Amino acid sequence: MQEQQLLKPNEWSYCDFFWADKKDPQGTSCLTGFEVLLQKQLKGKQIQKEMAEFIRERIKIEEEYAKSLSKLSQIPLASQEEG
């Protein structure tokens, strides 16, 4: 069977992985399309956890900022000024 010609031979590309297994750059092992997708999904899961933590921290900061602004708005300014 003739080896498939890769669309992006110098890259790890989805379009080339799902037709046949691809050897790693050292030629020691093959990766299947499933393995590539699994690795991508696991990385995505980790990124989602990191983003969720980032957003939780951002929420805390925004809540503290809102409380500080609320306190600041209670301070009377120019209450003694006339005219």
PDB file of N, CA and C in Angstrom:
ATOM      1  N   MET A   1       0.840  -1.184   0.000  1.00  0.00           N
ATOM      2  CA  MET A   1       0.000   0.000   0.000  1.00  0.00           C
ATOM      3  C   MET A   1       0.881   1.243   0.000  1.00  0.00           C
ATOM      4  N   GLN A   2       0.563   2.173  -0.860  1.00  0.00           N
ATOM      5  CA  GLN A   2       1.352   3.397  -0.981  1.00  0.00           C
ATOM      6  C   GLN A   2       1.078   4.315   0.209  1.00  0.00           C
ATOM      7  N   GLU A   3       2.143   4.929   0.716  1.00  0.00           N
ATOM      8  CA  GLU A   3       2.000   5.829   1.852  1.00  0.00           C
ATOM      9  C   GLU A   3       1.295   7.107   1.407  1.00  0.00           C
ATOM     10  N   GLN A   4       0.409   7.569   2.267  1.00  0.00           N
ATOM     11  CA  GLN A   4      -0.351   8.776   1.951  1.00  0.00           C
ATOM     12  C   GLN A   4       0.561   9.996   1.906  1.00  0.00           C
ATOM     13  N   GLN A   5       0.308  10.864   0.957  1.00  0.00           N
ATOM     14  CA  GLN A   5       1.056  12.111   0.882  1.00  0.00           C
ATOM     15  C   GLN A   5       0.421  13.077   1.882  1.00  0.00           C
ATOM     16  N   LEU A   6       1.251  13.645   2.746  1.00  0.00           N
ATOM     17  CA  LEU A   6       0.749  14.526   3.790  1.00  0.00           C
ATOM     18  C   LEU A   6       0.480  15.921   3.243  1.00  0.00           C
ATOM     19  N   LEU A   7      -0.583  16.549   3.762  1.00  0.00           N
ATOM     20  CA  LEU A   7      -0.920  17.907   3.348  1.00  0.00           C
ATOM     21  C   LEU A   7       0.013  18.930   3.992  1.00  0.00           C
ATOM     22  N   LYS A   8       0.406  18.653   5.229  1.00  0.00           N
ATOM     23  CA  LYS A   8       1.324  19.540   5.951  1.00  0.00           C
ATOM     24  C   LYS A   8       2.445  18.678   6.532  1.00  0.00           C
ATOM     25  N   PRO A   9       3.408  18.295   5.734  1.00  0.00           N
ATOM     26  CA  PRO A   9       4.402  17.306   6.161  1.00  0.00           C
ATOM     27  C   PRO A   9       5.308  17.753   7.303  1.00  0.00           C
ATOM     28  N   ASN A  10       5.524  19.026   7.483  1.00  0.00           N
ATOM     29  CA  ASN A  10       6.440  19.489   8.532  1.00  0.00           C
ATOM     30  C   ASN A  10       5.720  19.894   9.807  1.00  0.00           C
ATOM     31  N   GLU A  11       4.418  19.625   9.898  1.00  0.00           N
ATOM     32  CA  GLU A  11       3.639  20.021  11.064  1.00  0.00           C
ATOM     33  C   GLU A  11       2.867  18.822  11.607  1.00  0.00           C
ATOM     34  N   TRP A  12       2.492  18.916  12.882  1.00  0.00           N
ATOM     35  CA  TRP A  12       1.574  17.944  13.462  1.00  0.00           C
ATOM     36  C   TRP A  12       0.184  18.493  13.173  1.00  0.00           C
ATOM     37  N   SER A  13      -0.441  17.985  12.158  1.00  0.00           N
ATOM     38  CA  SER A  13      -1.678  18.559  11.644  1.00  0.00           C
ATOM     39  C   SER A  13      -2.832  17.568  11.751  1.00  0.00           C
ATOM     40  N   TYR A  14      -4.003  18.058  12.150  1.00  0.00           N
ATOM     41  CA  TYR A  14      -5.179  17.194  12.230  1.00  0.00           C
ATOM     42  C   TYR A  14      -5.517  16.580  10.875  1.00  0.00           C
ATOM     43  N   CYS A  15      -5.381  17.374   9.824  1.00  0.00           N
ATOM     44  CA  CYS A  15      -5.788  16.876   8.503  1.00  0.00           C
ATOM     45  C   CYS A  15      -4.953  15.673   8.069  1.00  0.00           C
ATOM     46  N   ASP A  16      -3.752  15.519   8.590  1.00  0.00           N
ATOM     47  CA  ASP A  16      -2.911  14.394   8.197  1.00  0.00           C
ATOM     48  C   ASP A  16      -2.997  13.210   9.160  1.00  0.00           C
ATOM     49  N   PHE A  17      -3.461  13.399  10.357  1.00  0.00           N
ATOM     50  CA  PHE A  17      -3.448  12.329  11.336  1.00  0.00           C
ATOM     51  C   PHE A  17      -4.566  11.319  11.172  1.00  0.00           C
ATOM     52  N   PHE A  18      -5.663  11.685  10.608  1.00  0.00           N
ATOM     53  CA  PHE A  18      -6.817  10.817  10.673  1.00  0.00           C
ATOM     54  C   PHE A  18      -6.946   9.853   9.510  1.00  0.00           C
ATOM     55  N   TRP A  19      -6.025   9.914   8.595  1.00  0.00           N
ATOM     56  CA  TRP A  19      -6.060   8.971   7.483  1.00  0.00           C
ATOM     57  C   TRP A  19      -5.150   7.784   7.748  1.00  0.00           C
ATOM     58  N   ALA A  20      -4.078   8.028   8.462  1.00  0.00           N
ATOM     59  CA  ALA A  20      -3.143   6.942   8.781  1.00  0.00           C
ATOM     60  C   ALA A  20      -2.340   7.354  10.007  1.00  0.00           C
ATOM     61  N   ASP A  21      -1.707   6.373  10.621  1.00  0.00           N
ATOM     62  CA  ASP A  21      -0.848   6.687  11.754  1.00  0.00           C
ATOM     63  C   ASP A  21       0.351   7.485  11.264  1.00  0.00           C
ATOM     64  N   LYS A  22       0.892   8.286  12.136  1.00  0.00           N
ATOM     65  CA  LYS A  22       2.049   9.093  11.759  1.00  0.00           C
ATOM     66  C   LYS A  22       3.173   8.826  12.749  1.00  0.00           C
ATOM     67  N   LYS A  23       4.367   8.659  12.226  1.00  0.00           N
ATOM     68  CA  LYS A  23       5.519   8.452  13.097  1.00  0.00           C
ATOM     69  C   LYS A  23       5.956   9.781  13.687  1.00  0.00           C
ATOM     70  N   ASP A  24       6.483   9.706  14.906  1.00  0.00           N
ATOM     71  CA  ASP A  24       7.013  10.924  15.513  1.00  0.00           C
ATOM     72  C   ASP A  24       8.288  11.334  14.770  1.00  0.00           C
ATOM     73  N   PRO A  25       8.794  12.548  15.010  1.00  0.00           N
ATOM     74  CA  PRO A  25       9.964  13.027  14.257  1.00  0.00           C
ATOM     75  C   PRO A  25      11.186  12.111  14.340  1.00  0.00           C
ATOM     76  N   GLN A  26      11.344  11.383  15.444  1.00  0.00           N
ATOM     77  CA  GLN A  26      12.480  10.473  15.571  1.00  0.00           C
ATOM     78  C   GLN A  26      12.222   9.145  14.856  1.00  0.00           C
ATOM     79  N   GLY A  27      10.976   8.900  14.482  1.00  0.00           N
ATOM     80  CA  GLY A  27      10.635   7.663  13.790  1.00  0.00           C
ATOM     81  C   GLY A  27      10.559   6.457  14.701  1.00  0.00           C
ATOM     82  N   THR A  28      10.456   6.677  16.008  1.00  0.00           N
ATOM     83  CA  THR A  28      10.463   5.559  16.950  1.00  0.00           C
ATOM     84  C   THR A  28       9.078   5.022  17.260  1.00  0.00           C
ATOM     85  N   SER A  29       8.050   5.848  17.155  1.00  0.00           N
ATOM     86  CA  SER A  29       6.709   5.368  17.469  1.00  0.00           C
ATOM     87  C   SER A  29       5.683   6.065  16.589  1.00  0.00           C
ATOM     88  N   CYS A  30       4.494   5.495  16.575  1.00  0.00           N
ATOM     89  CA  CYS A  30       3.408   6.054  15.767  1.00  0.00           C
ATOM     90  C   CYS A  30       2.342   6.643  16.679  1.00  0.00           C
ATOM     91  N   LEU A  31       1.720   7.691  16.207  1.00  0.00           N
ATOM     92  CA  LEU A  31       0.582   8.274  16.904  1.00  0.00           C
ATOM     93  C   LEU A  31      -0.642   8.108  16.024  1.00  0.00           C
ATOM     94  N   THR A  32      -1.726   7.644  16.627  1.00  0.00           N
ATOM     95  CA  THR A  32      -2.973   7.525  15.881  1.00  0.00           C
ATOM     96  C   THR A  32      -3.765   8.813  16.027  1.00  0.00           C
ATOM     97  N   GLY A  33      -4.743   8.982  15.173  1.00  0.00           N
ATOM     98  CA  GLY A  33      -5.610  10.150  15.262  1.00  0.00           C
ATOM     99  C   GLY A  33      -6.289  10.237  16.614  1.00  0.00           C
ATOM    100  N   PHE A  34      -6.697   9.089  17.152  1.00  0.00           N
ATOM    101  CA  PHE A  34      -7.335   9.076  18.464  1.00  0.00           C
ATOM    102  C   PHE A  34      -6.392   9.603  19.536  1.00  0.00           C
ATOM    103  N   GLU A  35      -5.138   9.177  19.510  1.00  0.00           N
ATOM    104  CA  GLU A  35      -4.173   9.635  20.511  1.00  0.00           C
ATOM    105  C   GLU A  35      -3.960  11.143  20.426  1.00  0.00           C
ATOM    106  N   VAL A  36      -3.919  11.664  19.219  1.00  0.00           N
ATOM    107  CA  VAL A  36      -3.746  13.104  19.039  1.00  0.00           C
ATOM    108  C   VAL A  36      -4.941  13.850  19.626  1.00  0.00           C
ATOM    109  N   LEU A  37      -6.154  13.366  19.311  1.00  0.00           N
ATOM    110  CA  LEU A  37      -7.351  14.010  19.854  1.00  0.00           C
ATOM    111  C   LEU A  37      -7.400  13.913  21.369  1.00  0.00           C
ATOM    112  N   LEU A  38      -7.036  12.768  21.911  1.00  0.00           N
ATOM    113  CA  LEU A  38      -7.042  12.591  23.356  1.00  0.00           C
ATOM    114  C   LEU A  38      -6.081  13.564  24.019  1.00  0.00           C
ATOM    115  N   GLN A  39      -4.878  13.699  23.485  1.00  0.00           N
ATOM    116  CA  GLN A  39      -3.910  14.644  24.039  1.00  0.00           C
ATOM    117  C   GLN A  39      -4.449  16.070  23.981  1.00  0.00           C
ATOM    118  N   LYS A  40      -5.068  16.420  22.870  1.00  0.00           N
ATOM    119  CA  LYS A  40      -5.636  17.761  22.704  1.00  0.00           C
ATOM    120  C   LYS A  40      -6.747  18.006  23.721  1.00  0.00           C
ATOM    121  N   GLN A  41      -7.603  17.018  23.931  1.00  0.00           N
ATOM    122  CA  GLN A  41      -8.699  17.163  24.883  1.00  0.00           C
ATOM    123  C   GLN A  41      -8.178  17.293  26.314  1.00  0.00           C
ATOM    124  N   LEU A  42      -7.167  16.528  26.662  1.00  0.00           N
ATOM    125  CA  LEU A  42      -6.605  16.613  28.008  1.00  0.00           C
ATOM    126  C   LEU A  42      -5.962  17.972  28.252  1.00  0.00           C
ATOM    127  N   LYS A  43      -5.279  18.503  27.245  1.00  0.00           N
ATOM    128  CA  LYS A  43      -4.708  19.842  27.373  1.00  0.00           C
ATOM    129  C   LYS A  43      -5.814  20.877  27.508  1.00  0.00           C
ATOM    130  N   GLY A  44      -6.885  20.710  26.742  1.00  0.00           N
ATOM    131  CA  GLY A  44      -8.014  21.632  26.815  1.00  0.00           C
ATOM    132  C   GLY A  44      -8.668  21.612  28.183  1.00  0.00           C
ATOM    133  N   LYS A  45      -8.768  20.446  28.773  1.00  0.00           N
ATOM    134  CA  LYS A  45      -9.347  20.310  30.110  1.00  0.00           C
ATOM    135  C   LYS A  45      -8.509  21.076  31.128  1.00  0.00           C
ATOM    136  N   GLN A  46      -7.198  20.979  31.029  1.00  0.00           N
ATOM    137  CA  GLN A  46      -6.303  21.691  31.937  1.00  0.00           C
ATOM    138  C   GLN A  46      -6.429  23.202  31.736  1.00  0.00           C
ATOM    139  N   ILE A  47      -6.509  23.632  30.494  1.00  0.00           N
ATOM    140  CA  ILE A  47      -6.649  25.060  30.209  1.00  0.00           C
ATOM    141  C   ILE A  47      -7.961  25.583  30.784  1.00  0.00           C
ATOM    142  N   GLN A  48      -9.034  24.798  30.687  1.00  0.00           N
ATOM    143  CA  GLN A  48     -10.316  25.222  31.246  1.00  0.00           C
ATOM    144  C   GLN A  48     -10.230  25.386  32.757  1.00  0.00           C
ATOM    145  N   LYS A  49      -9.526  24.488  33.430  1.00  0.00           N
ATOM    146  CA  LYS A  49      -9.346  24.613  34.879  1.00  0.00           C
ATOM    147  C   LYS A  49      -8.582  25.885  35.218  1.00  0.00           C
ATOM    148  N   GLU A  50      -7.535  26.165  34.463  1.00  0.00           N
ATOM    149  CA  GLU A  50      -6.751  27.372  34.704  1.00  0.00           C
ATOM    150  C   GLU A  50      -7.583  28.627  34.458  1.00  0.00           C
ATOM    151  N   MET A  51      -8.380  28.620  33.400  1.00  0.00           N
ATOM    152  CA  MET A  51      -9.229  29.771  33.101  1.00  0.00           C
ATOM    153  C   MET A  51     -10.291  29.968  34.179  1.00  0.00           C
ATOM    154  N   ALA A  52     -10.877  28.889  34.678  1.00  0.00           N
ATOM    155  CA  ALA A  52     -11.880  28.987  35.737  1.00  0.00           C
ATOM    156  C   ALA A  52     -11.268  29.600  36.991  1.00  0.00           C
ATOM    157  N   GLU A  53     -10.068  29.192  37.344  1.00  0.00           N
ATOM    158  CA  GLU A  53      -9.386  29.756  38.512  1.00  0.00           C
ATOM    159  C   GLU A  53      -9.081  31.233  38.286  1.00  0.00           C
ATOM    160  N   PHE A  54      -8.647  31.580  37.093  1.00  0.00           N
ATOM    161  CA  PHE A  54      -8.373  32.977  36.756  1.00  0.00           C
ATOM    162  C   PHE A  54      -9.640  33.822  36.916  1.00  0.00           C
ATOM    163  N   ILE A  55     -10.757  33.317  36.416  1.00  0.00           N
ATOM    164  CA  ILE A  55     -12.012  34.065  36.502  1.00  0.00           C
ATOM    165  C   ILE A  55     -12.468  34.192  37.947  1.00  0.00           C
ATOM    166  N   ARG A  56     -12.303  33.143  38.753  1.00  0.00           N
ATOM    167  CA  ARG A  56     -12.660  33.236  40.175  1.00  0.00           C
ATOM    168  C   ARG A  56     -11.841  34.319  40.873  1.00  0.00           C
ATOM    169  N   GLU A  57     -10.558  34.368  40.590  1.00  0.00           N
ATOM    170  CA  GLU A  57      -9.706  35.407  41.177  1.00  0.00           C
ATOM    171  C   GLU A  57     -10.132  36.788  40.697  1.00  0.00           C
ATOM    172  N   ARG A  58     -10.470  36.894  39.433  1.00  0.00           N
ATOM    173  CA  ARG A  58     -10.922  38.177  38.877  1.00  0.00           C
ATOM    174  C   ARG A  58     -12.209  38.630  39.554  1.00  0.00           C
ATOM    175  N   ILE A  59     -13.124  37.700  39.823  1.00  0.00           N
ATOM    176  CA  ILE A  59     -14.375  38.025  40.512  1.00  0.00           C
ATOM    177  C   ILE A  59     -14.088  38.585  41.896  1.00  0.00           C
ATOM    178  N   LYS A  60     -13.174  37.947  42.634  1.00  0.00           N
ATOM    179  CA  LYS A  60     -12.816  38.437  43.970  1.00  0.00           C
ATOM    180  C   LYS A  60     -12.284  39.861  43.900  1.00  0.00           C
ATOM    181  N   ILE A  61     -11.398  40.103  42.957  1.00  0.00           N
ATOM    182  CA  ILE A  61     -10.808  41.437  42.804  1.00  0.00           C
ATOM    183  C   ILE A  61     -11.884  42.458  42.460  1.00  0.00           C
ATOM    184  N   GLU A  62     -12.774  42.126  41.543  1.00  0.00           N
ATOM    185  CA  GLU A  62     -13.838  43.049  41.134  1.00  0.00           C
ATOM    186  C   GLU A  62     -14.794  43.334  42.287  1.00  0.00           C
ATOM    187  N   GLU A  63     -15.106  42.322  43.100  1.00  0.00           N
ATOM    188  CA  GLU A  63     -15.987  42.539  44.252  1.00  0.00           C
ATOM    189  C   GLU A  63     -15.341  43.470  45.271  1.00  0.00           C
ATOM    190  N   GLU A  64     -14.058  43.268  45.546  1.00  0.00           N
ATOM    191  CA  GLU A  64     -13.346  44.162  46.467  1.00  0.00           C
ATOM    192  C   GLU A  64     -13.308  45.582  45.916  1.00  0.00           C
ATOM    193  N   TYR A  65     -13.084  45.711  44.638  1.00  0.00           N
ATOM    194  CA  TYR A  65     -13.045  47.020  43.992  1.00  0.00           C
ATOM    195  C   TYR A  65     -14.410  47.706  44.088  1.00  0.00           C
ATOM    196  N   ALA A  66     -15.481  46.959  43.864  1.00  0.00           N
ATOM    197  CA  ALA A  66     -16.833  47.519  43.956  1.00  0.00           C
ATOM    198  C   ALA A  66     -17.132  47.990  45.376  1.00  0.00           C
ATOM    199  N   LYS A  67     -16.730  47.215  46.377  1.00  0.00           N
ATOM    200  CA  LYS A  67     -16.935  47.623  47.773  1.00  0.00           C
ATOM    201  C   LYS A  67     -16.161  48.898  48.078  1.00  0.00           C
ATOM    202  N   SER A  68     -14.942  48.977  47.608  1.00  0.00           N
ATOM    203  CA  SER A  68     -14.124  50.172  47.837  1.00  0.00           C
ATOM    204  C   SER A  68     -14.745  51.392  47.169  1.00  0.00           C
ATOM    205  N   LEU A  69     -15.234  51.236  45.963  1.00  0.00           N
ATOM    206  CA  LEU A  69     -15.888  52.354  45.278  1.00  0.00           C
ATOM    207  C   LEU A  69     -17.163  52.774  45.995  1.00  0.00           C
ATOM    208  N   SER A  70     -17.891  51.815  46.524  1.00  0.00           N
ATOM    209  CA  SER A  70     -19.111  52.124  47.262  1.00  0.00           C
ATOM    210  C   SER A  70     -18.790  52.938  48.515  1.00  0.00           C
ATOM    211  N   LYS A  71     -17.748  52.533  49.247  1.00  0.00           N
ATOM    212  CA  LYS A  71     -17.320  53.297  50.428  1.00  0.00           C
ATOM    213  C   LYS A  71     -16.898  54.700  50.028  1.00  0.00           C
ATOM    214  N   LEU A  72     -16.160  54.796  48.960  1.00  0.00           N
ATOM    215  CA  LEU A  72     -15.681  56.087  48.489  1.00  0.00           C
ATOM    216  C   LEU A  72     -16.841  56.999  48.100  1.00  0.00           C
ATOM    217  N   SER A  73     -17.879  56.440  47.545  1.00  0.00           N
ATOM    218  CA  SER A  73     -19.023  57.255  47.124  1.00  0.00           C
ATOM    219  C   SER A  73     -19.813  57.801  48.308  1.00  0.00           C
ATOM    220  N   GLN A  74     -19.635  57.247  49.488  1.00  0.00           N
ATOM    221  CA  GLN A  74     -20.341  57.706  50.684  1.00  0.00           C
ATOM    222  C   GLN A  74     -19.678  58.923  51.326  1.00  0.00           C
ATOM    223  N   ILE A  75     -18.465  59.224  50.933  1.00  0.00           N
ATOM    224  CA  ILE A  75     -17.748  60.372  51.494  1.00  0.00           C
ATOM    225  C   ILE A  75     -18.320  61.643  50.878  1.00  0.00           C
ATOM    226  N   PRO A  76     -18.799  62.552  51.740  1.00  0.00           N
ATOM    227  CA  PRO A  76     -19.348  63.800  51.194  1.00  0.00           C
ATOM    228  C   PRO A  76     -18.223  64.694  50.669  1.00  0.00           C
ATOM    229  N   LEU A  77     -18.399  65.182  49.486  1.00  0.00           N
ATOM    230  CA  LEU A  77     -17.420  66.076  48.887  1.00  0.00           C
ATOM    231  C   LEU A  77     -18.046  67.454  48.724  1.00  0.00           C
ATOM    232  N   ALA A  78     -17.282  68.451  49.052  1.00  0.00           N
ATOM    233  CA  ALA A  78     -17.696  69.841  48.869  1.00  0.00           C
ATOM    234  C   ALA A  78     -19.008  70.144  49.573  1.00  0.00           C
ATOM    235  N   SER A  79     -19.228  69.535  50.740  1.00  0.00           N
ATOM    236  CA  SER A  79     -20.475  69.791  51.464  1.00  0.00           C
ATOM    237  C   SER A  79     -20.510  71.204  52.048  1.00  0.00           C
ATOM    238  N   GLN A  80     -19.354  71.806  52.254  1.00  0.00           N
ATOM    239  CA  GLN A  80     -19.290  73.155  52.823  1.00  0.00           C
ATOM    240  C   GLN A  80     -19.184  74.229  51.751  1.00  0.00           C
ATOM    241  N   GLU A  81     -19.105  73.840  50.521  1.00  0.00           N
ATOM    242  CA  GLU A  81     -18.922  74.814  49.446  1.00  0.00           C
ATOM    243  C   GLU A  81     -20.220  75.574  49.190  1.00  0.00           C
ATOM    244  N   GLU A  82     -20.064  76.848  48.931  1.00  0.00           N
ATOM    245  CA  GLU A  82     -21.227  77.677  48.604  1.00  0.00           C
ATOM    246  C   GLU A  82     -21.029  78.274  47.230  1.00  0.00           C
ATOM    247  N   GLY A  83     -22.114  78.447  46.559  1.00  0.00           N
ATOM    248  CA  GLY A  83     -22.088  79.168  45.306  1.00  0.00           C
ATOM    249  C   GLY A  83     -21.809  78.399  44.129  1.00  0.00           C
TER     250      GLY A  83
END
